Amino acid sequence: MKTTRITIKFQLSLILGFVLFISGCRQFSKHEADKSAGLNGSFEVSKNDLPVNWVMYTPKTVPDADFEIVLDKNVYKEGKQSLKFDVKKC
């Protein structure tokens, strides 16, 4: 009886470990890197319509959501542009 319980616990541990490993393989965010941009706190430097050196959820990484990430040059706090999240459904 003890051997069966140990085996079941071991199997459950393996299954849980496998599920955690597989879930870690899915890409949930996007990162555009540029060491020369530094922190890029004002979102001045961008690449592929995303600010560099920031980790972002995007419509491609969260397909069930409905939102846009926009670099807004009309309304900004400092610098020449800001980052706008237009979220319709998440």
PDB file of N, CA and C in Angstrom:
ATOM      1  N   MET A   1       0.807  -1.193   0.000  1.00  0.00           N
ATOM      2  CA  MET A   1       0.000   0.000   0.000  1.00  0.00           C
ATOM      3  C   MET A   1       0.854   1.263   0.000  1.00  0.00           C
ATOM      4  N   LYS A   2       1.924   1.289   0.794  1.00  0.00           N
ATOM      5  CA  LYS A   2       2.806   2.453   0.824  1.00  0.00           C
ATOM      6  C   LYS A   2       3.478   2.676  -0.522  1.00  0.00           C
ATOM      7  N   THR A   3       3.891   1.608  -1.159  1.00  0.00           N
ATOM      8  CA  THR A   3       4.555   1.720  -2.454  1.00  0.00           C
ATOM      9  C   THR A   3       3.626   2.370  -3.479  1.00  0.00           C
ATOM     10  N   THR A   4       2.365   2.027  -3.456  1.00  0.00           N
ATOM     11  CA  THR A   4       1.402   2.602  -4.395  1.00  0.00           C
ATOM     12  C   THR A   4       1.237   4.096  -4.147  1.00  0.00           C
ATOM     13  N   ARG A   5       1.150   4.524  -2.889  1.00  0.00           N
ATOM     14  CA  ARG A   5       1.007   5.951  -2.585  1.00  0.00           C
ATOM     15  C   ARG A   5       2.239   6.735  -3.018  1.00  0.00           C
ATOM     16  N   ILE A   6       3.406   6.209  -2.799  1.00  0.00           N
ATOM     17  CA  ILE A   6       4.636   6.874  -3.219  1.00  0.00           C
ATOM     18  C   ILE A   6       4.677   6.979  -4.731  1.00  0.00           C
ATOM     19  N   THR A   7       4.299   5.928  -5.404  1.00  0.00           N
ATOM     20  CA  THR A   7       4.305   5.934  -6.861  1.00  0.00           C
ATOM     21  C   THR A   7       3.309   6.961  -7.399  1.00  0.00           C
ATOM     22  N   ILE A   8       2.126   7.028  -6.816  1.00  0.00           N
ATOM     23  CA  ILE A   8       1.120   7.995  -7.266  1.00  0.00           C
ATOM     24  C   ILE A   8       1.610   9.420  -7.014  1.00  0.00           C
ATOM     25  N   LYS A   9       2.185   9.691  -5.853  1.00  0.00           N
ATOM     26  CA  LYS A   9       2.722  11.018  -5.559  1.00  0.00           C
ATOM     27  C   LYS A   9       3.847  11.376  -6.528  1.00  0.00           C
ATOM     28  N   PHE A  10       4.695  10.401  -6.829  1.00  0.00           N
ATOM     29  CA  PHE A  10       5.788  10.642  -7.765  1.00  0.00           C
ATOM     30  C   PHE A  10       5.243  10.944  -9.158  1.00  0.00           C
ATOM     31  N   GLN A  11       4.242  10.187  -9.593  1.00  0.00           N
ATOM     32  CA  GLN A  11       3.645  10.418 -10.910  1.00  0.00           C
ATOM     33  C   GLN A  11       2.983  11.797 -10.974  1.00  0.00           C
ATOM     34  N   LEU A  12       2.272  12.163  -9.908  1.00  0.00           N
ATOM     35  CA  LEU A  12       1.638  13.483  -9.876  1.00  0.00           C
ATOM     36  C   LEU A  12       2.687  14.596  -9.903  1.00  0.00           C
ATOM     37  N   SER A  13       3.789  14.380  -9.216  1.00  0.00           N
ATOM     38  CA  SER A  13       4.879  15.363  -9.230  1.00  0.00           C
ATOM     39  C   SER A  13       5.464  15.504 -10.629  1.00  0.00           C
ATOM     40  N   LEU A  14       5.635  14.403 -11.322  1.00  0.00           N
ATOM     41  CA  LEU A  14       6.149  14.450 -12.692  1.00  0.00           C
ATOM     42  C   LEU A  14       5.177  15.172 -13.621  1.00  0.00           C
ATOM     43  N   ILE A  15       3.903  14.876 -13.478  1.00  0.00           N
ATOM     44  CA  ILE A  15       2.897  15.529 -14.326  1.00  0.00           C
ATOM     45  C   ILE A  15       2.873  17.033 -14.054  1.00  0.00           C
ATOM     46  N   LEU A  16       2.873  17.420 -12.782  1.00  0.00           N
ATOM     47  CA  LEU A  16       2.891  18.842 -12.430  1.00  0.00           C
ATOM     48  C   LEU A  16       4.145  19.533 -12.957  1.00  0.00           C
ATOM     49  N   GLY A  17       5.278  18.875 -12.831  1.00  0.00           N
ATOM     50  CA  GLY A  17       6.523  19.434 -13.353  1.00  0.00           C
ATOM     51  C   GLY A  17       6.482  19.610 -14.856  1.00  0.00           C
ATOM     52  N   PHE A  18       5.907  18.642 -15.556  1.00  0.00           N
ATOM     53  CA  PHE A  18       5.794  18.720 -17.017  1.00  0.00           C
ATOM     54  C   PHE A  18       4.875  19.866 -17.427  1.00  0.00           C
ATOM     55  N   VAL A  19       3.741  20.011 -16.727  1.00  0.00           N
ATOM     56  CA  VAL A  19       2.798  21.090 -17.037  1.00  0.00           C
ATOM     57  C   VAL A  19       3.457  22.449 -16.808  1.00  0.00           C
ATOM     58  N   LEU A  20       4.178  22.604 -15.721  1.00  0.00           N
ATOM     59  CA  LEU A  20       4.873  23.868 -15.457  1.00  0.00           C
ATOM     60  C   LEU A  20       5.933  24.152 -16.513  1.00  0.00           C
ATOM     61  N   PHE A  21       6.637  23.121 -16.936  1.00  0.00           N
ATOM     62  CA  PHE A  21       7.663  23.286 -17.966  1.00  0.00           C
ATOM     63  C   PHE A  21       7.035  23.732 -19.278  1.00  0.00           C
ATOM     64  N   ILE A  22       5.959  23.075 -19.695  1.00  0.00           N
ATOM     65  CA  ILE A  22       5.295  23.422 -20.957  1.00  0.00           C
ATOM     66  C   ILE A  22       4.712  24.831 -20.898  1.00  0.00           C
ATOM     67  N   SER A  23       4.112  25.203 -19.766  1.00  0.00           N
ATOM     68  CA  SER A  23       3.537  26.547 -19.676  1.00  0.00           C
ATOM     69  C   SER A  23       4.632  27.613 -19.714  1.00  0.00           C
ATOM     70  N   GLY A  24       5.824  27.291 -19.278  1.00  0.00           N
ATOM     71  CA  GLY A  24       6.932  28.237 -19.335  1.00  0.00           C
ATOM     72  C   GLY A  24       7.474  28.434 -20.741  1.00  0.00           C
ATOM     73  N   CYS A  25       7.138  27.540 -21.657  1.00  0.00           N
ATOM     74  CA  CYS A  25       7.619  27.648 -23.033  1.00  0.00           C
ATOM     75  C   CYS A  25       6.788  28.600 -23.871  1.00  0.00           C
ATOM     76  N   ARG A  26       5.566  28.915 -23.436  1.00  0.00           N
ATOM     77  CA  ARG A  26       4.706  29.820 -24.188  1.00  0.00           C
ATOM     78  C   ARG A  26       5.172  31.252 -23.976  1.00  0.00           C
ATOM     79  N   GLN A  27       5.248  32.006 -25.054  1.00  0.00           N
ATOM     80  CA  GLN A  27       5.682  33.394 -24.968  1.00  0.00           C
ATOM     81  C   GLN A  27       4.489  34.280 -24.628  1.00  0.00           C
ATOM     82  N   PHE A  28       4.549  34.951 -23.483  1.00  0.00           N
ATOM     83  CA  PHE A  28       3.465  35.815 -23.051  1.00  0.00           C
ATOM     84  C   PHE A  28       3.757  37.287 -23.305  1.00  0.00           C
ATOM     85  N   SER A  29       4.991  37.634 -23.566  1.00  0.00           N
ATOM     86  CA  SER A  29       5.324  39.039 -23.749  1.00  0.00           C
ATOM     87  C   SER A  29       6.354  39.202 -24.860  1.00  0.00           C
ATOM     88  N   LYS A  30       6.521  40.438 -25.287  1.00  0.00           N
ATOM     89  CA  LYS A  30       7.436  40.783 -26.376  1.00  0.00           C
ATOM     90  C   LYS A  30       8.446  41.786 -25.836  1.00  0.00           C
ATOM     91  N   HIS A  31       9.686  41.640 -26.268  1.00  0.00           N
ATOM     92  CA  HIS A  31      10.744  42.538 -25.808  1.00  0.00           C
ATOM     93  C   HIS A  31      11.605  42.934 -27.001  1.00  0.00           C
ATOM     94  N   GLU A  32      11.679  44.213 -27.264  1.00  0.00           N
ATOM     95  CA  GLU A  32      12.584  44.759 -28.280  1.00  0.00           C
ATOM     96  C   GLU A  32      13.750  45.386 -27.527  1.00  0.00           C
ATOM     97  N   ALA A  33      14.962  44.950 -27.824  1.00  0.00           N
ATOM     98  CA  ALA A  33      16.130  45.405 -27.059  1.00  0.00           C
ATOM     99  C   ALA A  33      17.010  46.348 -27.877  1.00  0.00           C
ATOM    100  N   ASP A  34      17.577  47.335 -27.188  1.00  0.00           N
ATOM    101  CA  ASP A  34      18.555  48.245 -27.765  1.00  0.00           C
ATOM    102  C   ASP A  34      19.367  48.821 -26.604  1.00  0.00           C
ATOM    103  N   LYS A  35      20.576  48.317 -26.415  1.00  0.00           N
ATOM    104  CA  LYS A  35      21.410  48.754 -25.290  1.00  0.00           C
ATOM    105  C   LYS A  35      21.722  50.242 -25.345  1.00  0.00           C
ATOM    106  N   SER A  36      21.835  50.798 -26.533  1.00  0.00           N
ATOM    107  CA  SER A  36      22.194  52.212 -26.651  1.00  0.00           C
ATOM    108  C   SER A  36      21.053  53.142 -26.214  1.00  0.00           C
ATOM    109  N   ALA A  37      19.821  52.640 -26.122  1.00  0.00           N
ATOM    110  CA  ALA A  37      18.678  53.474 -25.724  1.00  0.00           C
ATOM    111  C   ALA A  37      18.591  53.653 -24.222  1.00  0.00           C
ATOM    112  N   GLY A  38      19.297  52.843 -23.454  1.00  0.00           N
ATOM    113  CA  GLY A  38      19.239  52.948 -21.992  1.00  0.00           C
ATOM    114  C   GLY A  38      17.878  52.544 -21.464  1.00  0.00           C
ATOM    115  N   LEU A  39      17.417  53.242 -20.427  1.00  0.00           N
ATOM    116  CA  LEU A  39      16.129  52.935 -19.804  1.00  0.00           C
ATOM    117  C   LEU A  39      14.959  53.207 -20.754  1.00  0.00           C
ATOM    118  N   ASN A  40      15.050  54.247 -21.547  1.00  0.00           N
ATOM    119  CA  ASN A  40      14.000  54.632 -22.489  1.00  0.00           C
ATOM    120  C   ASN A  40      12.701  54.948 -21.759  1.00  0.00           C
ATOM    121  N   GLY A  41      12.816  55.697 -20.664  1.00  0.00           N
ATOM    122  CA  GLY A  41      11.663  56.022 -19.828  1.00  0.00           C
ATOM    123  C   GLY A  41      10.604  56.868 -20.503  1.00  0.00           C
ATOM    124  N   SER A  42      10.946  57.641 -21.513  1.00  0.00           N
ATOM    125  CA  SER A  42       9.967  58.469 -22.223  1.00  0.00           C
ATOM    126  C   SER A  42       9.490  57.818 -23.509  1.00  0.00           C
ATOM    127  N   PHE A  43       9.854  56.577 -23.718  1.00  0.00           N
ATOM    128  CA  PHE A  43       9.446  55.798 -24.904  1.00  0.00           C
ATOM    129  C   PHE A  43       9.872  56.460 -26.208  1.00  0.00           C
ATOM    130  N   GLU A  44      10.994  57.197 -26.191  1.00  0.00           N
ATOM    131  CA  GLU A  44      11.447  57.919 -27.378  1.00  0.00           C
ATOM    132  C   GLU A  44      11.974  56.978 -28.464  1.00  0.00           C
ATOM    133  N   VAL A  45      12.586  55.884 -28.053  1.00  0.00           N
ATOM    134  CA  VAL A  45      13.159  54.947 -29.025  1.00  0.00           C
ATOM    135  C   VAL A  45      12.198  53.781 -29.178  1.00  0.00           C
ATOM    136  N   SER A  46      11.820  53.485 -30.431  1.00  0.00           N
ATOM    137  CA  SER A  46      10.889  52.392 -30.671  1.00  0.00           C
ATOM    138  C   SER A  46      11.385  51.513 -31.822  1.00  0.00           C
ATOM    139  N   LYS A  47      10.875  50.308 -31.844  1.00  0.00           N
ATOM    140  CA  LYS A  47      11.237  49.341 -32.881  1.00  0.00           C
ATOM    141  C   LYS A  47      10.033  48.425 -33.066  1.00  0.00           C
ATOM    142  N   ASN A  48       9.592  48.225 -34.283  1.00  0.00           N
ATOM    143  CA  ASN A  48       8.407  47.423 -34.590  1.00  0.00           C
ATOM    144  C   ASN A  48       7.174  47.914 -33.823  1.00  0.00           C
ATOM    145  N   ASP A  49       7.004  49.227 -33.738  1.00  0.00           N
ATOM    146  CA  ASP A  49       5.878  49.880 -33.062  1.00  0.00           C
ATOM    147  C   ASP A  49       5.793  49.573 -31.572  1.00  0.00           C
ATOM    148  N   LEU A  50       6.911  49.216 -30.953  1.00  0.00           N
ATOM    149  CA  LEU A  50       6.981  48.997 -29.510  1.00  0.00           C
ATOM    150  C   LEU A  50       8.171  49.766 -28.950  1.00  0.00           C
ATOM    151  N   PRO A  51       8.055  50.288 -27.734  1.00  0.00           N
ATOM    152  CA  PRO A  51       9.217  50.956 -27.139  1.00  0.00           C
ATOM    153  C   PRO A  51      10.302  49.930 -26.819  1.00  0.00           C
ATOM    154  N   VAL A  52      11.549  50.277 -27.092  1.00  0.00           N
ATOM    155  CA  VAL A  52      12.640  49.338 -26.818  1.00  0.00           C
ATOM    156  C   VAL A  52      12.932  49.296 -25.318  1.00  0.00           C
ATOM    157  N   ASN A  53      13.490  48.185 -24.890  1.00  0.00           N
ATOM    158  CA  ASN A  53      13.888  47.917 -23.506  1.00  0.00           C
ATOM    159  C   ASN A  53      12.715  47.865 -22.531  1.00  0.00           C
ATOM    160  N   TRP A  54      11.540  47.594 -23.033  1.00  0.00           N
ATOM    161  CA  TRP A  54      10.358  47.378 -22.216  1.00  0.00           C
ATOM    162  C   TRP A  54       9.787  46.010 -22.566  1.00  0.00           C
ATOM    163  N   VAL A  55       9.290  45.291 -21.589  1.00  0.00           N
ATOM    164  CA  VAL A  55       8.635  44.007 -21.821  1.00  0.00           C
ATOM    165  C   VAL A  55       7.133  44.272 -21.873  1.00  0.00           C
ATOM    166  N   MET A  56       6.497  43.889 -22.981  1.00  0.00           N
ATOM    167  CA  MET A  56       5.088  44.216 -23.203  1.00  0.00           C
ATOM    168  C   MET A  56       4.285  42.985 -23.589  1.00  0.00           C
ATOM    169  N   TYR A  57       3.061  42.940 -23.093  1.00  0.00           N
ATOM    170  CA  TYR A  57       2.085  42.007 -23.647  1.00  0.00           C
ATOM    171  C   TYR A  57       1.614  42.628 -24.945  1.00  0.00           C
ATOM    172  N   THR A  58       1.457  41.835 -25.986  1.00  0.00           N
ATOM    173  CA  THR A  58       1.003  42.343 -27.276  1.00  0.00           C
ATOM    174  C   THR A  58      -0.201  41.534 -27.742  1.00  0.00           C
ATOM    175  N   PRO A  59      -0.936  42.023 -28.735  1.00  0.00           N
ATOM    176  CA  PRO A  59      -2.056  41.242 -29.264  1.00  0.00           C
ATOM    177  C   PRO A  59      -1.619  39.861 -29.790  1.00  0.00           C
ATOM    178  N   LYS A  60      -0.381  39.728 -30.202  1.00  0.00           N
ATOM    179  CA  LYS A  60       0.099  38.415 -30.676  1.00  0.00           C
ATOM    180  C   LYS A  60       0.356  37.458 -29.515  1.00  0.00           C
ATOM    181  N   THR A  61       0.808  37.972 -28.374  1.00  0.00           N
ATOM    182  CA  THR A  61       1.108  37.103 -27.243  1.00  0.00           C
ATOM    183  C   THR A  61      -0.114  36.844 -26.367  1.00  0.00           C
ATOM    184  N   VAL A  62      -1.155  37.671 -26.486  1.00  0.00           N
ATOM    185  CA  VAL A  62      -2.408  37.477 -25.755  1.00  0.00           C
ATOM    186  C   VAL A  62      -3.545  37.492 -26.785  1.00  0.00           C
ATOM    187  N   PRO A  63      -3.716  36.397 -27.527  1.00  0.00           N
ATOM    188  CA  PRO A  63      -4.659  36.406 -28.646  1.00  0.00           C
ATOM    189  C   PRO A  63      -6.132  36.541 -28.243  1.00  0.00           C
ATOM    190  N   ASP A  64      -6.506  36.213 -27.010  1.00  0.00           N
ATOM    191  CA  ASP A  64      -7.906  36.298 -26.598  1.00  0.00           C
ATOM    192  C   ASP A  64      -8.317  37.712 -26.197  1.00  0.00           C
ATOM    193  N   ALA A  65      -7.377  38.624 -26.100  1.00  0.00           N
ATOM    194  CA  ALA A  65      -7.668  39.996 -25.703  1.00  0.00           C
ATOM    195  C   ALA A  65      -7.828  40.877 -26.941  1.00  0.00           C
ATOM    196  N   ASP A  66      -8.442  42.022 -26.747  1.00  0.00           N
ATOM    197  CA  ASP A  66      -8.628  42.981 -27.831  1.00  0.00           C
ATOM    198  C   ASP A  66      -8.071  44.325 -27.363  1.00  0.00           C
ATOM    199  N   PHE A  67      -6.844  44.619 -27.776  1.00  0.00           N
ATOM    200  CA  PHE A  67      -6.214  45.880 -27.385  1.00  0.00           C
ATOM    201  C   PHE A  67      -5.147  46.270 -28.396  1.00  0.00           C
ATOM    202  N   GLU A  68      -4.778  47.535 -28.341  1.00  0.00           N
ATOM    203  CA  GLU A  68      -3.716  48.068 -29.197  1.00  0.00           C
ATOM    204  C   GLU A  68      -2.700  48.799 -28.327  1.00  0.00           C
ATOM    205  N   ILE A  69      -1.443  48.744 -28.750  1.00  0.00           N
ATOM    206  CA  ILE A  69      -0.393  49.539 -28.133  1.00  0.00           C
ATOM    207  C   ILE A  69       0.012  50.583 -29.162  1.00  0.00           C
ATOM    208  N   VAL A  70      -0.120  51.844 -28.778  1.00  0.00           N
ATOM    209  CA  VAL A  70       0.108  52.931 -29.728  1.00  0.00           C
ATOM    210  C   VAL A  70       1.142  53.891 -29.149  1.00  0.00           C
ATOM    211  N   LEU A  71       2.104  54.283 -29.957  1.00  0.00           N
ATOM    212  CA  LEU A  71       3.036  55.353 -29.592  1.00  0.00           C
ATOM    213  C   LEU A  71       2.373  56.663 -30.011  1.00  0.00           C
ATOM    214  N   ASP A  72       1.899  57.419 -29.025  1.00  0.00           N
ATOM    215  CA  ASP A  72       1.084  58.617 -29.243  1.00  0.00           C
ATOM    216  C   ASP A  72       1.961  59.861 -29.249  1.00  0.00           C
ATOM    217  N   LYS A  73       1.989  60.566 -30.388  1.00  0.00           N
ATOM    218  CA  LYS A  73       2.779  61.791 -30.511  1.00  0.00           C
ATOM    219  C   LYS A  73       1.948  63.044 -30.240  1.00  0.00           C
ATOM    220  N   ASN A  74       0.647  62.892 -29.969  1.00  0.00           N
ATOM    221  CA  ASN A  74      -0.218  64.041 -29.696  1.00  0.00           C
ATOM    222  C   ASN A  74      -0.314  64.364 -28.208  1.00  0.00           C
ATOM    223  N   VAL A  75      -0.422  63.343 -27.367  1.00  0.00           N
ATOM    224  CA  VAL A  75      -0.550  63.540 -25.928  1.00  0.00           C
ATOM    225  C   VAL A  75       0.632  62.857 -25.254  1.00  0.00           C
ATOM    226  N   TYR A  76       1.460  63.662 -24.554  1.00  0.00           N
ATOM    227  CA  TYR A  76       2.631  63.096 -23.890  1.00  0.00           C
ATOM    228  C   TYR A  76       2.981  63.935 -22.673  1.00  0.00           C
ATOM    229  N   LYS A  77       3.654  63.302 -21.736  1.00  0.00           N
ATOM    230  CA  LYS A  77       4.044  63.976 -20.487  1.00  0.00           C
ATOM    231  C   LYS A  77       5.421  64.628 -20.636  1.00  0.00           C
ATOM    232  N   GLU A  78       6.362  63.884 -21.197  1.00  0.00           N
ATOM    233  CA  GLU A  78       7.716  64.411 -21.437  1.00  0.00           C
ATOM    234  C   GLU A  78       8.232  63.796 -22.725  1.00  0.00           C
ATOM    235  N   GLY A  79       9.296  64.342 -23.248  1.00  0.00           N
ATOM    236  CA  GLY A  79       9.818  63.839 -24.511  1.00  0.00           C
ATOM    237  C   GLY A  79       8.924  64.223 -25.677  1.00  0.00           C
ATOM    238  N   LYS A  80       8.826  63.362 -26.675  1.00  0.00           N
ATOM    239  CA  LYS A  80       8.045  63.668 -27.875  1.00  0.00           C
ATOM    240  C   LYS A  80       6.881  62.718 -28.107  1.00  0.00           C
ATOM    241  N   GLN A  81       6.769  61.655 -27.288  1.00  0.00           N
ATOM    242  CA  GLN A  81       5.656  60.733 -27.462  1.00  0.00           C
ATOM    243  C   GLN A  81       5.393  59.980 -26.163  1.00  0.00           C
ATOM    244  N   SER A  82       4.226  59.360 -26.099  1.00  0.00           N
ATOM    245  CA  SER A  82       3.859  58.560 -24.938  1.00  0.00           C
ATOM    246  C   SER A  82       3.371  57.205 -25.416  1.00  0.00           C
ATOM    247  N   LEU A  83       3.152  56.324 -24.474  1.00  0.00           N
ATOM    248  CA  LEU A  83       2.673  54.995 -24.787  1.00  0.00           C
ATOM    249  C   LEU A  83       1.212  54.913 -24.393  1.00  0.00           C
ATOM    250  N   LYS A  84       0.368  54.529 -25.328  1.00  0.00           N
ATOM    251  CA  LYS A  84      -1.069  54.468 -25.086  1.00  0.00           C
ATOM    252  C   LYS A  84      -1.534  53.027 -25.237  1.00  0.00           C
ATOM    253  N   PHE A  85      -2.287  52.550 -24.248  1.00  0.00           N
ATOM    254  CA  PHE A  85      -2.908  51.233 -24.310  1.00  0.00           C
ATOM    255  C   PHE A  85      -4.399  51.440 -24.544  1.00  0.00           C
ATOM    256  N   ASP A  86      -4.888  51.010 -25.678  1.00  0.00           N
ATOM    257  CA  ASP A  86      -6.314  51.103 -25.996  1.00  0.00           C
ATOM    258  C   ASP A  86      -6.899  49.701 -25.776  1.00  0.00           C
ATOM    259  N   VAL A  87      -7.450  49.462 -24.591  1.00  0.00           N
ATOM    260  CA  VAL A  87      -7.943  48.139 -24.217  1.00  0.00           C
ATOM    261  C   VAL A  87      -9.456  48.094 -24.363  1.00  0.00           C
ATOM    262  N   LYS A  88      -9.919  47.159 -25.192  1.00  0.00           N
ATOM    263  CA  LYS A  88     -11.355  46.958 -25.383  1.00  0.00           C
ATOM    264  C   LYS A  88     -11.833  45.737 -24.622  1.00  0.00           C
ATOM    265  N   LYS A  89     -11.001  44.675 -24.597  1.00  0.00           N
ATOM    266  CA  LYS A  89     -11.367  43.438 -23.892  1.00  0.00           C
ATOM    267  C   LYS A  89     -10.091  42.732 -23.474  1.00  0.00           C
ATOM    268  N   CYS A  90     -10.059  42.247 -22.255  1.00  0.00           N
ATOM    269  CA  CYS A  90      -8.866  41.547 -21.783  1.00  0.00           C
ATOM    270  C   CYS A  90      -9.259  40.415 -20.853  1.00  0.00           C
TER     271      CYS A  90
END
